[in-house]
């Protein structure tokens, strides 16, 4: 078995090869896409490439890359006594990890991962025993330990309700795919006037086409602006992509409507982030596992070998070695050969 990190993670055996989350041209016939964030996807695939993904990921990919067809996508694959199974990864709506079972051995590639339940629509990763674990390590250092999720949600809710009670609108910022769905669920009940930025609207419509049950009452920012409703319908909540408060769009909202800006990110764990981003409040909510979660995932999977990828991969591998695991950071410069 050979594992190579290039523009994605390529796992190759004698009879098959699969590439996980490639970001440049895919050269294998089998591709796994854990979720539809741009740093995990590619628009360049072979015409007959089989893409293993969830239905949510498929819908997003086909929207943004129209040349991909329905017959490219599968949910499960089995051949040559090898099973490729998707399991929830806890990162975004429809995000998955990859489980490969072959000759009584098991490999798990997590993709971006979390074991916390942060929303009804996002199924957390459930660690399971495996021989080899390939794990993302974005926050793989002890300095990345986040406060409890529900405590941060309550802190944000109290602040938002206070502003709304004073007729001050708020802008809640997070990635339109992933973080935004958490924000809709947790805060959409705080106002009758919910507004989606165009980027959020686009993603929401695609997700609704897969699952109509995730619909809720909102208007687009363009509709509110065109009909001069922003001044008359205060206080409102605008859900927006994460941007600096120095952005022209947000500067306009601040000057005209006195909005308060909330950023939702794991990076808000550092006090300077709030000032760097020129926002009013930084709420420490991430759709990645923090350091303690990553340690728990590895301990519960109990793998013989661990390969750490991305982010703090070097430091996380060192920490795992200190705890007794056979851990190696997987970099572009390192090719690992092993047999299962």
Protein backbone atom coordinates (compact mmCIF):
# COMPACT_ATOMS: atom_id res chain seq x y z
CA UNK A 1 0.00 0.00 0.00
CA UNK A 2 1.33 3.44 -0.91
CA UNK A 3 0.12 6.79 0.43
CA UNK A 4 1.28 10.02 -1.20
CA UNK A 5 0.40 13.60 -0.33
CA UNK A 6 0.43 15.79 -3.41
CA UNK A 7 -2.48 18.11 -4.17
CA UNK A 8 -4.60 15.57 -2.29
CA UNK A 9 -4.06 12.26 -0.53
CA UNK A 10 -3.55 9.36 -2.93
CA UNK A 11 -3.92 5.83 -1.57
CA UNK A 12 -2.78 3.09 -3.96
CA UNK A 13 -2.85 -0.68 -3.71
CA UNK A 14 -1.91 -3.27 -6.31
CA UNK A 15 -5.45 -3.46 -7.72
CA UNK A 16 -6.85 0.02 -7.08
CA UNK A 17 -6.07 3.66 -6.41
CA UNK A 18 -8.17 6.44 -4.88
CA UNK A 19 -7.40 10.13 -4.46
CA UNK A 20 -8.95 12.02 -1.54
CA UNK A 21 -9.80 15.72 -1.70
CA UNK A 22 -7.56 16.61 -4.62
CA UNK A 23 -7.30 20.34 -5.38
CA UNK A 24 -5.59 20.18 -8.77
CA UNK A 25 -6.01 17.82 -11.71
CA UNK A 26 -7.15 14.37 -10.67
CA UNK A 27 -5.31 11.56 -12.45
CA UNK A 28 -7.01 8.52 -10.92
CA UNK A 29 -10.29 6.92 -11.97
CA UNK A 30 -11.61 7.00 -8.41
CA UNK A 31 -11.96 10.20 -6.38
CA UNK A 32 -13.27 10.78 -2.87
CA UNK A 33 -14.57 14.28 -2.05
CA UNK A 34 -15.24 14.72 1.65
CA UNK A 35 -17.11 18.02 1.24
CA UNK A 36 -17.45 20.90 -1.21
CA UNK A 37 -15.10 23.50 0.26
CA UNK A 38 -12.75 24.87 -2.37
CA UNK A 39 -9.62 23.59 -0.60
CA UNK A 40 -10.93 20.03 -0.98
CA UNK A 41 -12.24 20.05 -4.55
CA UNK A 42 -11.05 20.23 -8.15
CA UNK A 43 -12.79 21.19 -11.37
CA UNK A 44 -10.35 19.06 -13.40
CA UNK A 45 -11.32 15.39 -13.45
CA UNK A 46 -11.10 12.68 -16.06
CA UNK A 47 -14.36 12.26 -17.98
CA UNK A 48 -15.07 8.81 -16.53
CA UNK A 49 -13.85 9.50 -13.01
CA UNK A 50 -16.02 7.87 -10.35
CA UNK A 51 -16.60 10.34 -7.52
CA UNK A 52 -17.46 9.03 -4.09
CA UNK A 53 -19.37 11.73 -2.17
CA UNK A 54 -22.58 12.49 -0.28
CA UNK A 55 -25.70 13.77 -2.03
CA UNK A 56 -25.11 17.27 -0.59
CA UNK A 57 -21.55 17.34 -1.88
CA UNK A 58 -22.68 16.05 -5.27
CA UNK A 59 -25.29 18.82 -5.64
CA UNK A 60 -22.79 21.54 -4.71
CA UNK A 61 -20.10 20.19 -7.03
CA UNK A 62 -22.48 19.88 -9.98
CA UNK A 63 -23.67 23.45 -9.44
CA UNK A 64 -20.18 24.93 -9.41
CA UNK A 65 -18.70 22.51 -11.98
CA UNK A 66 -21.49 21.86 -14.52
CA UNK A 67 -19.37 19.45 -16.59
CA UNK A 68 -19.73 16.88 -13.80
CA UNK A 69 -22.66 14.56 -14.49
CA UNK A 70 -24.84 12.46 -12.23
CA UNK A 71 -23.29 9.23 -13.47
CA UNK A 72 -19.92 10.35 -12.09
CA UNK A 73 -21.18 10.04 -8.50
CA UNK A 74 -21.61 7.06 -6.19
CA UNK A 75 -22.29 6.73 -2.45
CA UNK A 76 -20.59 3.37 -1.85
CA UNK A 77 -18.19 1.20 -3.81
CA UNK A 78 -17.02 -2.39 -3.50
CA UNK A 79 -14.70 -4.38 -5.74
CA UNK A 80 -11.68 -6.70 -5.53
CA UNK A 81 -12.65 -7.50 -1.93
CA UNK A 82 -12.26 -3.82 -1.04
CA UNK A 83 -15.08 -1.71 0.41
CA UNK A 84 -15.11 2.09 0.22
CA UNK A 85 -17.65 3.43 2.71
CA UNK A 86 -18.56 7.00 3.63
CA UNK A 87 -19.16 7.87 7.27
CA UNK A 88 -20.18 11.27 8.74
CA UNK A 89 -17.26 13.56 9.54
CA UNK A 90 -19.01 16.31 11.57
CA UNK A 91 -17.57 19.20 9.55
CA UNK A 92 -20.37 20.52 7.31
CA UNK A 93 -23.82 19.43 6.15
CA UNK A 94 -23.18 16.22 4.21
CA UNK A 95 -19.44 16.06 4.90
CA UNK A 96 -18.02 12.55 5.13
CA UNK A 97 -14.90 10.63 6.06
CA UNK A 98 -13.70 7.62 4.06
CA UNK A 99 -13.43 4.10 5.45
CA UNK A 100 -11.54 1.53 3.37
CA UNK A 101 -11.86 -2.13 4.40
CA UNK A 102 -9.46 -4.53 2.71
CA UNK A 103 -8.23 -8.00 3.73
CA UNK A 104 -9.47 -7.59 7.31
CA UNK A 105 -7.59 -4.29 7.61
CA UNK A 106 -9.10 -0.83 7.84
CA UNK A 107 -7.95 2.63 6.77
CA UNK A 108 -9.83 5.78 7.80
CA UNK A 109 -9.25 9.13 6.12
CA UNK A 110 -11.07 11.76 8.16
CA UNK A 111 -11.08 14.83 5.92
CA UNK A 112 -11.97 17.86 8.05
CA UNK A 113 -13.48 16.40 11.18
CA UNK A 114 -15.26 16.97 14.48
CA UNK A 115 -16.84 14.65 17.03
CA UNK A 116 -19.07 17.35 18.53
CA UNK A 117 -22.68 17.71 17.46
CA UNK A 118 -22.96 21.35 16.47
CA UNK A 119 -26.29 21.15 14.67
CA UNK A 120 -29.15 18.83 13.76
CA UNK A 121 -28.00 18.66 10.14
CA UNK A 122 -24.34 17.92 10.83
CA UNK A 123 -23.64 14.35 11.89
CA UNK A 124 -20.54 14.10 14.11
CA UNK A 125 -17.68 11.75 13.34
CA UNK A 126 -17.89 8.47 15.26
CA UNK A 127 -14.38 7.10 15.87
CA UNK A 128 -13.93 3.40 15.26
CA UNK A 129 -11.05 0.96 15.47
CA UNK A 130 -8.75 1.03 12.46
CA UNK A 131 -5.26 -0.05 11.44
CA UNK A 132 -4.34 3.23 9.76
CA UNK A 133 -5.73 6.68 10.49
CA UNK A 134 -5.10 9.66 8.21
CA UNK A 135 -6.27 12.69 10.18
CA UNK A 136 -6.40 16.42 9.45
CA UNK A 137 -4.52 18.43 12.03
CA UNK A 138 -5.65 22.03 11.55
CA UNK A 139 -5.77 22.71 15.28
CA UNK A 140 -3.30 20.03 16.37
CA UNK A 141 -1.52 22.03 19.09
CA UNK A 142 -2.39 22.52 22.78
CA UNK A 143 -2.92 26.26 22.25
CA UNK A 144 -6.00 25.39 20.20
CA UNK A 145 -8.35 24.41 23.02
CA UNK A 146 -11.78 25.94 22.58
CA UNK A 147 -14.47 26.78 25.14
CA UNK A 148 -17.55 24.52 25.25
CA UNK A 149 -19.70 24.96 22.14
CA UNK A 150 -23.01 25.60 23.92
CA UNK A 151 -21.39 28.20 26.20
CA UNK A 152 -20.19 30.16 23.16
CA UNK A 153 -23.63 29.87 21.53
CA UNK A 154 -25.25 31.25 24.69
CA UNK A 155 -22.71 34.08 24.90
CA UNK A 156 -23.45 35.06 21.30
CA UNK A 157 -27.22 34.74 21.81
CA UNK A 158 -27.19 37.04 24.84
CA UNK A 159 -25.22 39.69 22.95
CA UNK A 160 -27.42 39.45 19.86
CA UNK A 161 -30.65 39.72 21.87
CA UNK A 162 -29.29 42.75 23.69
CA UNK A 163 -28.51 44.55 20.41
CA UNK A 164 -31.84 43.64 18.84
CA UNK A 165 -33.70 44.90 21.91
CA UNK A 166 -32.02 48.28 21.30
CA UNK A 167 -33.07 48.27 17.63
CA UNK A 168 -29.49 47.60 16.48
CA UNK A 169 -29.13 45.09 13.60
CA UNK A 170 -26.40 42.48 13.64
CA UNK A 171 -24.30 40.71 11.00
CA UNK A 172 -23.40 37.10 11.80
CA UNK A 173 -20.43 35.96 9.73
CA UNK A 174 -19.20 32.47 8.95
CA UNK A 175 -18.52 30.33 5.91
CA UNK A 176 -21.71 30.15 3.76
CA UNK A 177 -21.34 26.36 3.59
CA UNK A 178 -20.74 24.82 7.00
CA UNK A 179 -20.69 27.50 9.67
CA UNK A 180 -23.72 29.32 8.25
CA UNK A 181 -26.01 26.31 8.67
CA UNK A 182 -25.07 26.21 12.36
CA UNK A 183 -25.81 29.92 12.72
CA UNK A 184 -29.22 29.60 11.00
CA UNK A 185 -30.24 26.83 13.39
CA UNK A 186 -29.04 28.55 16.55
CA UNK A 187 -30.05 32.17 15.91
CA UNK A 188 -32.85 32.35 13.32
CA UNK A 189 -35.44 32.36 16.10
CA UNK A 190 -34.13 35.67 17.48
CA UNK A 191 -35.67 37.89 14.79
CA UNK A 192 -38.55 37.91 12.33
CA UNK A 193 -36.31 39.71 9.84
CA UNK A 194 -33.64 37.33 8.59
CA UNK A 195 -31.49 38.29 5.62
CA UNK A 196 -29.04 36.21 3.59
CA UNK A 197 -26.05 37.63 1.78
CA UNK A 198 -25.97 36.52 -1.87
CA UNK A 199 -23.21 33.97 -1.17
CA UNK A 200 -25.23 32.43 1.64
CA UNK A 201 -28.38 32.47 -0.46
CA UNK A 202 -26.74 30.55 -3.28
CA UNK A 203 -25.56 27.76 -0.99
CA UNK A 204 -28.84 27.63 0.92
CA UNK A 205 -30.88 27.15 -2.27
CA UNK A 206 -28.67 24.24 -3.34
CA UNK A 207 -28.96 22.54 0.05
CA UNK A 208 -32.73 23.05 0.04
CA UNK A 209 -32.91 21.28 -3.32
CA UNK A 210 -31.43 18.20 -1.62
CA UNK A 211 -33.43 18.47 1.60
CA UNK A 212 -36.50 20.78 1.64
CA UNK A 213 -36.76 20.32 5.40
CA UNK A 214 -33.90 22.74 5.97
CA UNK A 215 -35.90 25.70 4.63
CA UNK A 216 -36.66 28.67 6.89
CA UNK A 217 -38.09 32.15 6.36
CA UNK A 218 -35.59 34.68 5.02
CA UNK A 219 -35.14 37.40 2.41
CA UNK A 220 -32.14 38.11 0.25
CA UNK A 221 -30.02 41.17 0.91
CA UNK A 222 -30.63 42.34 -2.66
CA UNK A 223 -34.39 42.14 -2.17
CA UNK A 224 -34.21 44.12 1.07
CA UNK A 225 -31.94 46.73 -0.48
CA UNK A 226 -33.95 47.08 -3.70
CA UNK A 227 -37.18 47.62 -1.76
CA UNK A 228 -35.63 50.01 0.78
CA UNK A 229 -36.53 47.70 3.65
CA UNK A 230 -33.23 47.76 5.53
CA UNK A 231 -34.07 50.99 7.34
CA UNK A 232 -37.75 50.17 7.88
CA UNK A 233 -37.48 46.55 9.01
CA UNK A 234 -34.94 46.96 11.82
CA UNK A 235 -33.77 45.23 13.84
CA UNK A 236 -32.64 42.49 11.48
CA UNK A 237 -30.06 39.72 11.34
CA UNK A 238 -27.89 39.46 8.26
CA UNK A 239 -26.05 36.17 7.71
CA UNK A 240 -22.90 36.85 5.74
CA UNK A 241 -19.59 35.27 4.70
CA UNK A 242 -16.69 35.97 7.01
CA UNK A 243 -15.12 39.29 6.01
CA UNK A 244 -13.00 42.00 7.56
CA UNK A 245 -14.89 44.91 9.03
CA UNK A 246 -12.76 47.08 6.73
CA UNK A 247 -14.55 45.58 3.73
CA UNK A 248 -16.51 48.25 1.84
CA UNK A 249 -19.80 46.37 2.14
CA UNK A 250 -19.52 46.10 5.92
CA UNK A 251 -18.25 49.65 6.31
CA UNK A 252 -21.38 50.82 4.49
CA UNK A 253 -23.65 48.80 6.81
CA UNK A 254 -21.86 50.15 9.85
CA UNK A 255 -22.12 53.77 8.82
CA UNK A 256 -25.72 53.63 7.60
CA UNK A 257 -27.38 51.16 9.99
CA UNK A 258 -25.00 51.03 12.97
CA UNK A 259 -24.71 47.25 12.65
CA UNK A 260 -22.66 45.13 15.02
CA UNK A 261 -20.35 42.53 13.49
CA UNK A 262 -19.96 38.98 14.84
CA UNK A 263 -17.34 36.57 13.51
CA UNK A 264 -17.68 32.85 14.24
CA UNK A 265 -14.37 31.03 13.92
CA UNK A 266 -11.90 28.88 15.79
CA UNK A 267 -9.36 31.63 15.19
CA UNK A 268 -11.39 33.88 17.48
CA UNK A 269 -9.69 31.93 20.28
CA UNK A 270 -6.90 34.50 19.95
CA UNK A 271 -7.88 37.97 21.26
CA UNK A 272 -5.91 39.78 18.54
CA UNK A 273 -8.12 38.19 15.86
CA UNK A 274 -10.99 40.51 16.78
CA UNK A 275 -8.84 43.58 16.20
CA UNK A 276 -7.17 42.20 13.09
CA UNK A 277 -10.60 41.60 11.55
CA UNK A 278 -12.07 44.90 12.84
CA UNK A 279 -15.18 43.23 14.26
CA UNK A 280 -17.24 43.82 17.38
CA UNK A 281 -17.37 40.26 18.69
CA UNK A 282 -15.42 37.09 18.00
CA UNK A 283 -17.23 33.86 18.91
CA UNK A 284 -15.03 30.77 19.24
CA UNK A 285 -16.95 28.25 17.15
CA UNK A 286 -15.16 26.00 14.69
CA UNK A 287 -16.33 23.21 12.40
CA UNK A 288 -12.94 21.54 12.92
CA UNK A 289 -11.88 19.48 15.93
CA UNK A 290 -9.81 21.37 18.45
CA UNK A 291 -6.69 19.86 20.01
CA UNK A 292 -8.55 17.85 22.66
CA UNK A 293 -11.00 16.46 20.11
CA UNK A 294 -8.17 15.38 17.82
CA UNK A 295 -6.47 13.55 20.67
CA UNK A 296 -9.76 11.84 21.56
CA UNK A 297 -10.33 10.77 17.95
CA UNK A 298 -6.91 9.13 17.75
CA UNK A 299 -7.27 7.42 21.13
CA UNK A 300 -10.71 6.04 20.26
CA UNK A 301 -9.64 4.86 16.79
CA UNK A 302 -6.59 3.20 18.40
CA UNK A 303 -4.69 2.85 15.09
CA UNK A 304 -1.38 1.06 14.58
CA UNK A 305 -0.24 4.00 12.44
CA UNK A 306 -1.34 7.62 12.29
CA UNK A 307 -0.59 10.03 9.45
CA UNK A 308 -1.20 13.68 10.24
CA UNK A 309 -2.02 16.09 7.41
CA UNK A 310 -2.41 19.85 7.00
CA UNK A 311 -2.30 22.59 9.62
CA UNK A 312 -0.25 21.62 12.66
CA UNK A 313 0.67 18.20 11.28
CA UNK A 314 4.29 18.26 12.48
CA UNK A 315 3.48 19.33 16.04
CA UNK A 316 0.48 17.01 16.27
CA UNK A 317 2.53 14.01 15.13
CA UNK A 318 5.15 14.86 17.76
CA UNK A 319 2.46 15.06 20.44
CA UNK A 320 1.02 11.69 19.38
CA UNK A 321 4.48 10.10 19.49
CA UNK A 322 4.91 11.44 23.01
CA UNK A 323 1.66 9.65 23.88
CA UNK A 324 2.88 6.35 22.46
CA UNK A 325 1.39 6.36 18.94
CA UNK A 326 3.31 5.54 15.77
CA UNK A 327 2.60 8.90 14.12
CA UNK A 328 4.15 10.49 11.04
CA UNK A 329 3.36 13.88 9.48
CA UNK A 330 2.51 13.39 5.80
CA UNK A 331 4.07 16.12 3.67
CA UNK A 332 4.55 16.59 -0.05
CA UNK A 333 8.19 15.68 0.40
CA UNK A 334 7.43 12.36 2.07
CA UNK A 335 6.19 9.20 0.36
CA UNK A 336 5.22 6.36 2.69
CA UNK A 337 5.14 2.73 1.68
CA UNK A 338 3.60 0.16 3.97
CA UNK A 339 1.56 -3.00 3.68
CA UNK A 340 -1.72 -3.96 5.24
